[in-house]
Structures are given as structure tokens and as C-alpha cells.
C-alpha atoms as a PDB file:
ATOM      1  CA  GLU A   1      87.020 112.806 -32.843  1.00  0.00           C
ATOM      2  CA  GLY A   2      87.667 109.512 -30.533  1.00  0.00           C
ATOM      3  CA  ASN A   3      86.036 110.636 -26.819  1.00  0.00           C
ATOM      4  CA  ARG A   4      84.819 114.205 -27.982  1.00  0.00           C
ATOM      5  CA  ILE A   5      81.213 115.618 -29.006  1.00  0.00           C
ATOM      6  CA  ARG A   6      81.031 117.978 -31.459  1.00  0.00           C
ATOM      7  CA  ARG A   7      78.307 121.086 -30.498  1.00  0.00           C
ATOM      8  CA  LYS A   8      76.979 124.054 -32.756  1.00  0.00           C
ATOM      9  CA  PHE A   9      76.494 127.339 -31.080  1.00  0.00           C
ATOM     10  CA  VAL A  10      75.116 130.554 -32.566  1.00  0.00           C
ATOM     11  CA  CYS A  11      77.634 133.125 -32.619  1.00  0.00           C
ATOM     12  CA  PRO A  12      76.121 136.576 -31.132  1.00  0.00           C
ATOM     13  CA  ILE A  13      78.828 138.643 -33.381  1.00  0.00           C
ATOM     14  CA  THR A  14      77.781 137.329 -36.696  1.00  0.00           C
ATOM     15  CA  HIS A  15      74.022 137.254 -35.949  1.00  0.00           C
ATOM     16  CA  LEU A  16      74.040 141.117 -35.659  1.00  0.00           C
ATOM     17  CA  LYS A  17      72.122 142.433 -38.542  1.00  0.00           C
ATOM     18  CA  GLY A  18      75.039 145.174 -39.070  1.00  0.00           C
ATOM     19  CA  PHE A  19      77.692 142.573 -38.927  1.00  0.00           C
ATOM     20  CA  ALA A  20      75.966 140.119 -40.787  1.00  0.00           C
ATOM     21  CA  ALA A  21      74.769 142.182 -43.842  1.00  0.00           C
ATOM     22  CA  LYS A  22      78.463 143.627 -43.849  1.00  0.00           C
ATOM     23  CA  TYR A  23      80.287 140.253 -43.586  1.00  0.00           C
ATOM     24  CA  ASN A  24      77.494 137.411 -44.799  1.00  0.00           C
ATOM     25  CA  HIS A  25      77.343 135.682 -41.483  1.00  0.00           C
ATOM     26  CA  GLN A  26      81.254 135.047 -41.564  1.00  0.00           C
ATOM     27  CA  CYS A  27      83.444 135.157 -38.237  1.00  0.00           C
ATOM     28  CA  PRO A  28      85.660 138.074 -38.180  1.00  0.00           C
ATOM     29  CA  ILE A  29      88.405 135.957 -37.611  1.00  0.00           C
ATOM     30  CA  ASN A  30      87.926 133.702 -40.538  1.00  0.00           C
ATOM     31  CA  HIS A  31      88.619 130.415 -38.466  1.00  0.00           C
ATOM     32  CA  PRO A  32      87.657 127.227 -39.431  1.00  0.00           C
ATOM     33  CA  ARG A  33      85.654 126.111 -36.406  1.00  0.00           C
ATOM     34  CA  PHE A  34      83.382 129.501 -36.953  1.00  0.00           C
ATOM     35  CA  PRO A  35      81.651 128.731 -40.276  1.00  0.00           C
ATOM     36  CA  LYS A  36      79.010 130.842 -41.547  1.00  0.00           C
ATOM     37  CA  GLY A  37      77.425 132.314 -38.147  1.00  0.00           C
ATOM     38  CA  GLY A  38      77.675 128.940 -36.047  1.00  0.00           C
ATOM     39  CA  CYS A  39      80.806 127.949 -33.849  1.00  0.00           C
ATOM     40  CA  TYR A  40      81.734 124.359 -33.267  1.00  0.00           C
ATOM     41  CA  ALA A  41      82.771 123.196 -29.688  1.00  0.00           C
ATOM     42  CA  SER A  42      84.396 120.012 -28.921  1.00  0.00           C
ATOM     43  CA  ILE A  43      83.209 118.618 -25.470  1.00  0.00           C
ATOM     44  CA  SER A  44      84.618 115.994 -23.711  1.00  0.00           C
ATOM     45  CA  LYS A  45      81.742 113.059 -23.662  1.00  0.00           C
ATOM     46  CA  ASP A  46      82.219 113.019 -19.517  1.00  0.00           C
ATOM     47  CA  VAL A  47      81.877 116.907 -19.674  1.00  0.00           C
ATOM     48  CA  SER A  48      78.749 116.438 -21.622  1.00  0.00           C
ATOM     49  CA  ARG A  49      77.276 113.662 -19.253  1.00  0.00           C
ATOM     50  CA  VAL A  50      78.322 116.279 -16.286  1.00  0.00           C
ATOM     51  CA  PHE A  51      75.764 118.924 -18.221  1.00  0.00           C
ATOM     52  CA  GLN A  52      73.018 116.166 -18.635  1.00  0.00           C
ATOM     53  CA  TYR A  53      73.087 115.363 -15.158  1.00  0.00           C
ATOM     54  CA  HIS A  54      72.961 119.361 -14.702  1.00  0.00           C
ATOM     55  CA  GLY A  55      69.895 119.623 -16.419  1.00  0.00           C
ATOM     56  CA  ALA A  56      68.496 116.215 -14.552  1.00  0.00           C
ATOM     57  CA  GLU A  57      69.207 118.328 -11.477  1.00  0.00           C
ATOM     58  CA  HIS A  58      67.161 121.617 -13.002  1.00  0.00           C
ATOM     59  CA  LYS A  59      64.174 119.255 -13.753  1.00  0.00           C
ATOM     60  CA  VAL A  60      64.181 117.492 -10.289  1.00  0.00           C
ATOM     61  CA  ILE A  61      64.096 120.715  -8.505  1.00  0.00           C
ATOM     62  CA  TYR A  62      60.997 122.206 -10.777  1.00  0.00           C
ATOM     63  CA  ALA A  63      59.173 118.691 -10.235  1.00  0.00           C
ATOM     64  CA  TYR A  64      60.073 118.766  -6.281  1.00  0.00           C
ATOM     65  CA  GLU A  65      58.638 122.892  -6.252  1.00  0.00           C
ATOM     66  CA  ALA A  66      55.492 121.718  -8.019  1.00  0.00           C
ATOM     67  CA  GLY A  67      54.695 119.123  -5.948  1.00  0.00           C
ATOM     68  CA  VAL A  68      54.557 116.090  -8.410  1.00  0.00           C
ATOM     69  CA  GLU A  69      55.111 112.717  -7.728  1.00  0.00           C
ATOM     70  CA  MET A  70      58.602 112.066  -8.642  1.00  0.00           C
ATOM     71  CA  THR A  71      59.218 109.642 -11.389  1.00  0.00           C
ATOM     72  CA  PRO A  72      61.314 110.025 -14.281  1.00  0.00           C
ATOM     73  CA  GLU A  73      58.041 110.276 -16.638  1.00  0.00           C
ATOM     74  CA  ASN A  74      56.952 113.391 -14.550  1.00  0.00           C
ATOM     75  CA  VAL A  75      60.092 115.059 -13.605  1.00  0.00           C
ATOM     76  CA  GLY A  76      61.296 114.785 -17.762  1.00  0.00           C
ATOM     77  CA  ARG A  77      58.384 117.177 -18.442  1.00  0.00           C
ATOM     78  CA  TYR A  78      60.296 119.903 -16.663  1.00  0.00           C
ATOM     79  CA  SER A  79      62.843 122.815 -18.349  1.00  0.00           C
ATOM     80  CA  ILE A  80      66.598 122.202 -17.915  1.00  0.00           C
ATOM     81  CA  LEU A  81      66.914 125.992 -17.680  1.00  0.00           C
ATOM     82  CA  HIS A  82      66.421 127.275 -13.557  1.00  0.00           C
ATOM     83  CA  PRO A  83      66.316 130.867 -12.894  1.00  0.00           C
ATOM     84  CA  ARG A  84      68.114 129.964  -9.638  1.00  0.00           C
ATOM     85  CA  CYS A  85      71.259 127.883 -11.248  1.00  0.00           C
ATOM     86  CA  GLY A  86      74.479 128.870 -10.149  1.00  0.00           C
ATOM     87  CA  THR A  87      75.488 129.293 -14.002  1.00  0.00           C
ATOM     88  CA  SER A  88      73.302 132.102 -13.544  1.00  0.00           C
ATOM     89  CA  PHE A  89      74.284 133.406 -10.168  1.00  0.00           C
ATOM     90  CA  LEU A  90      77.786 133.679 -11.599  1.00  0.00           C
ATOM     91  CA  LEU A  91      76.677 135.702 -14.533  1.00  0.00           C
ATOM     92  CA  ILE A  92      75.303 137.729 -12.362  1.00  0.00           C
ATOM     93  CA  VAL A  93      78.221 138.133  -9.713  1.00  0.00           C
ATOM     94  CA  MET A  94      80.594 139.241 -12.971  1.00  0.00           C
ATOM     95  CA  VAL A  95      78.171 141.643 -14.075  1.00  0.00           C
ATOM     96  CA  MET A  96      77.578 143.269 -10.496  1.00  0.00           C
ATOM     97  CA  SER A  97      81.074 143.355  -9.861  1.00  0.00           C
ATOM     98  CA  ILE A  98      81.817 145.456 -12.967  1.00  0.00           C
ATOM     99  CA  LEU A  99      79.214 147.667 -12.557  1.00  0.00           C
ATOM    100  CA  ILE A 100      80.407 148.190  -8.565  1.00  0.00           C
ATOM    101  CA  PHE A 101      83.847 147.974  -9.294  1.00  0.00           C
ATOM    102  CA  SER A 102      83.306 150.510 -12.082  1.00  0.00           C
ATOM    103  CA  PHE A 103      82.912 153.199  -9.403  1.00  0.00           C
ATOM    104  CA  ILE A 104      86.157 152.641  -7.791  1.00  0.00           C
ATOM    105  CA  PRO A 105      88.437 155.942  -8.415  1.00  0.00           C
ATOM    106  CA  GLN A 106      91.218 155.484 -10.813  1.00  0.00           C
ATOM    107  CA  SER A 107      93.182 157.692  -8.694  1.00  0.00           C
ATOM    108  CA  TRP A 108      93.342 155.138  -5.597  1.00  0.00           C
ATOM    109  CA  THR A 109      96.618 153.160  -5.245  1.00  0.00           C
ATOM    110  CA  PHE A 110      96.750 149.502  -5.785  1.00  0.00           C
ATOM    111  CA  THR A 111      96.630 148.574  -2.269  1.00  0.00           C
ATOM    112  CA  GLY A 112      93.399 150.632  -2.080  1.00  0.00           C
ATOM    113  CA  LYS A 113      92.364 149.578  -5.024  1.00  0.00           C
ATOM    114  CA  PHE A 114      92.883 145.911  -4.172  1.00  0.00           C
ATOM    115  CA  LEU A 115      91.306 146.503  -0.570  1.00  0.00           C
ATOM    116  CA  SER A 116      88.369 148.219  -1.886  1.00  0.00           C
ATOM    117  CA  ARG A 117      87.513 144.663  -3.972  1.00  0.00           C
ATOM    118  CA  VAL A 118      88.228 142.477  -1.165  1.00  0.00           C
ATOM    119  CA  VAL A 119      85.845 144.105   0.938  1.00  0.00           C
ATOM    120  CA  LEU A 120      83.118 144.566  -1.636  1.00  0.00           C
ATOM    121  CA  ILE A 121      83.273 140.787  -2.777  1.00  0.00           C
ATOM    122  CA  PRO A 122      80.525 139.669   0.025  1.00  0.00           C
ATOM    123  CA  LEU A 123      78.389 142.700  -0.773  1.00  0.00           C
ATOM    124  CA  ILE A 124      78.507 141.871  -4.655  1.00  0.00           C
ATOM    125  CA  ALA A 125      77.714 138.148  -3.638  1.00  0.00           C
ATOM    126  CA  GLY A 126      74.918 139.192  -1.198  1.00  0.00           C
ATOM    127  CA  LEU A 127      73.495 141.011  -4.147  1.00  0.00           C
ATOM    128  CA  SER A 128      73.660 138.660  -6.582  1.00  0.00           C
ATOM    129  CA  TYR A 129      72.318 136.090  -4.235  1.00  0.00           C
ATOM    130  CA  GLU A 130      69.046 138.139  -3.368  1.00  0.00           C
ATOM    131  CA  PHE A 131      68.440 139.135  -7.174  1.00  0.00           C
ATOM    132  CA  ILE A 132      68.347 135.351  -8.072  1.00  0.00           C
ATOM    133  CA  LYS A 133      66.035 134.799  -4.883  1.00  0.00           C
ATOM    134  CA  PHE A 134      63.761 138.186  -6.054  1.00  0.00           C
ATOM    135  CA  SER A 135      63.766 137.087  -9.547  1.00  0.00           C
ATOM    136  CA  SER A 136      62.778 133.750  -9.089  1.00  0.00           C
ATOM    137  CA  LYS A 137      59.853 134.743  -6.851  1.00  0.00           C
ATOM    138  CA  LYS A 138      58.883 137.409  -9.805  1.00  0.00           C
ATOM    139  CA  ILE A 139      59.788 135.209 -12.884  1.00  0.00           C
ATOM    140  CA  ASP A 140      56.309 136.282 -14.458  1.00  0.00           C
ATOM    141  CA  ASN A 141      57.274 140.024 -14.699  1.00  0.00           C
ATOM    142  CA  PRO A 142      58.205 141.120 -18.125  1.00  0.00           C
ATOM    143  CA  PHE A 143      61.093 142.975 -17.237  1.00  0.00           C
ATOM    144  CA  ILE A 144      62.343 140.394 -14.653  1.00  0.00           C
ATOM    145  CA  LYS A 145      62.270 137.939 -17.559  1.00  0.00           C
ATOM    146  CA  ILE A 146      64.613 140.340 -19.502  1.00  0.00           C
ATOM    147  CA  LEU A 147      66.974 140.679 -16.470  1.00  0.00           C
ATOM    148  CA  ILE A 148      67.356 136.980 -16.106  1.00  0.00           C
ATOM    149  CA  ALA A 149      67.236 135.924 -19.833  1.00  0.00           C
ATOM    150  CA  PRO A 150      71.116 136.179 -20.142  1.00  0.00           C
ATOM    151  CA  GLY A 151      71.642 133.598 -17.245  1.00  0.00           C
ATOM    152  CA  LEU A 152      68.750 131.338 -18.837  1.00  0.00           C
ATOM    153  CA  SER A 153      71.030 131.542 -22.294  1.00  0.00           C
ATOM    154  CA  LEU A 154      74.323 130.955 -20.507  1.00  0.00           C
ATOM    155  CA  GLN A 155      72.713 127.493 -18.673  1.00  0.00           C
ATOM    156  CA  ARG A 156      72.248 126.089 -22.246  1.00  0.00           C
ATOM    157  CA  LEU A 157      75.959 125.959 -22.490  1.00  0.00           C
ATOM    158  CA  THR A 158      75.943 123.930 -18.876  1.00  0.00           C
ATOM    159  CA  ALA A 159      72.841 122.070 -18.719  1.00  0.00           C
ATOM    160  CA  LYS A 160      71.808 119.439 -21.172  1.00  0.00           C
ATOM    161  CA  VAL A 161      68.846 117.150 -21.589  1.00  0.00           C
ATOM    162  CA  PRO A 162      69.215 114.167 -19.853  1.00  0.00           C
ATOM    163  CA  THR A 163      68.560 110.426 -19.851  1.00  0.00           C
ATOM    164  CA  SER A 164      66.031 108.607 -17.920  1.00  0.00           C
ATOM    165  CA  ASP A 165      68.752 107.186 -15.785  1.00  0.00           C
ATOM    166  CA  GLN A 166      70.275 110.163 -14.990  1.00  0.00           C
ATOM    167  CA  ILE A 167      66.894 111.689 -14.033  1.00  0.00           C
ATOM    168  CA  GLU A 168      66.552 108.780 -11.642  1.00  0.00           C
ATOM    169  CA  VAL A 169      70.191 109.474 -10.140  1.00  0.00           C
ATOM    170  CA  ALA A 170      68.692 113.397  -9.569  1.00  0.00           C
ATOM    171  CA  ILE A 171      65.547 112.173  -7.881  1.00  0.00           C
ATOM    172  CA  ILE A 172      67.665 109.870  -5.341  1.00  0.00           C
ATOM    173  CA  ALA A 173      70.133 112.368  -5.026  1.00  0.00           C
ATOM    174  CA  LEU A 174      67.314 114.771  -4.249  1.00  0.00           C
ATOM    175  CA  LYS A 175      65.314 112.301  -1.573  1.00  0.00           C
ATOM    176  CA  GLU A 176      68.912 111.712   0.158  1.00  0.00           C
ATOM    177  CA  VAL A 177      69.266 115.448   0.635  1.00  0.00           C
ATOM    178  CA  LEU A 178      65.507 115.717   1.849  1.00  0.00           C
ATOM    179  CA  LEU A 179      66.550 113.154   4.486  1.00  0.00           C
ATOM    180  CA  MET A 180      69.708 114.754   5.530  1.00  0.00           C
ATOM    181  CA  GLU A 181      68.121 118.317   5.964  1.00  0.00           C
ATOM    182  CA  SER A 182      65.050 116.577   7.948  1.00  0.00           C
ATOM    183  CA  GLY A 183      67.790 114.709  10.457  1.00  0.00           C
ATOM    184  CA  TYR A 184      66.643 111.389   9.682  1.00  0.00           C
ATOM    185  CA  ALA A 185      69.764 110.268   7.256  1.00  0.00           C
ATOM    186  CA  VAL A 186      72.227 111.382  10.048  1.00  0.00           C
ATOM    187  CA  THR A 187      70.251 109.712  12.832  1.00  0.00           C
ATOM    188  CA  GLU A 188      70.119 106.127  10.780  1.00  0.00           C
ATOM    189  CA  ARG A 189      73.807 106.619   9.810  1.00  0.00           C
ATOM    190  CA  ASP A 190      74.625 107.230  13.624  1.00  0.00           C
ATOM    191  CA  LYS A 191      72.530 104.128  14.686  1.00  0.00           C
ATOM    192  CA  ASN A 192      74.560 102.022  11.888  1.00  0.00           C
ATOM    193  CA  ASN A 193      77.886 103.241  13.272  1.00  0.00           C
ATOM    194  CA  ASN A 194      77.024 102.373  17.183  1.00  0.00           C
ATOM    195  CA  ASN A 195      76.202  98.720  16.172  1.00  0.00           C
END
């Protein structure tokens, strides 16, 4: 397919026990891209590289938080799935939106519904952020593991195993961010601009 990669994803519908027995693990729409319980999706090689860099970012953050020396070998041992990932955050925002917006009365006018949603967006984002923060601190709790499992599963689509070159790039990027946060990078840039 040229510049595309085919990846197999497991279809959650065809793996439900009742559905699987009734339809023999076949996709309900019998589409040729959904054979025997698997879904093949084409992904551009460029997008696939972005997903690998996403995985490298997660590995570097884990290594940094563990306090290990930042080498590709050390960083490579860590997982590509991270509980504070933006992918998980977006899923939590979506679920919280559904839960909170379901309490808006149907009898309200369109304007009332619209304005209530606009007003509630910061609340939803804030609650989602606090949940992500809280869950990363309580990651060993079995109940929290169950709650964050869908977000980690979703990351399997957006974070892939990186190459050592990509890990090196992620290490350099983290070091630059840490320099910027300490104020050193800005100071050095200002000195260079003044000369």
C-alpha cells in the first residue's frame, strides 16, 4: 500500500462471548476489513512514527520519575503506556461530559442547554485533570487500575514502541524542557541574542 502500514486491532464487539458464539467471531457488517475478530486499519508511516515518538515520550517520563540515568538502554525498559497521558485525559473528559451533561434537563431551551454546556466545560476539564493526577498517585489501588484501564487501552492506538534513535530525541527534548523550566535556557538564549 505504498506509504501505509496495516495494523491489526481486536474488535471489542466480536469478542463479546454472546456475540462471538452467535456470529462465529464475524463482524456484524461483514466488511472485508474486519475478518474473524480483527480489524485492519491502514496508518500512514509518518503517523506511525509520531505514535513511536509518543511512546518514547512516555518511556522518558517514566525513567525521569524513577530517577535513573537517561540513556536509551535505561529508558527503553519502561512502558509506552502512561497513566497521565493526554489520550487518557481526553477519554476521561468525554466520559465526564456524558455523565455531567446527562443531568441537563431536556425541557430547557436550546440556548439554555448550549450555555450550560459552555459553563460546565471548565468544571469537566478540571475534574478530569484532578482524576488523572489522583489516579497516578494511587496507581497500585485495584479499583483505580480498573478505572484507568480504558485510557491505557486507548493509548495502545496512539503510542507505539520507539526505536533507540527516537528515545534519544525524547531524552534531549526532556533535558531541554528541564533547562527551560530552570530558567537557564532562557538566560543563555538572551545572552546569545545580546552578543
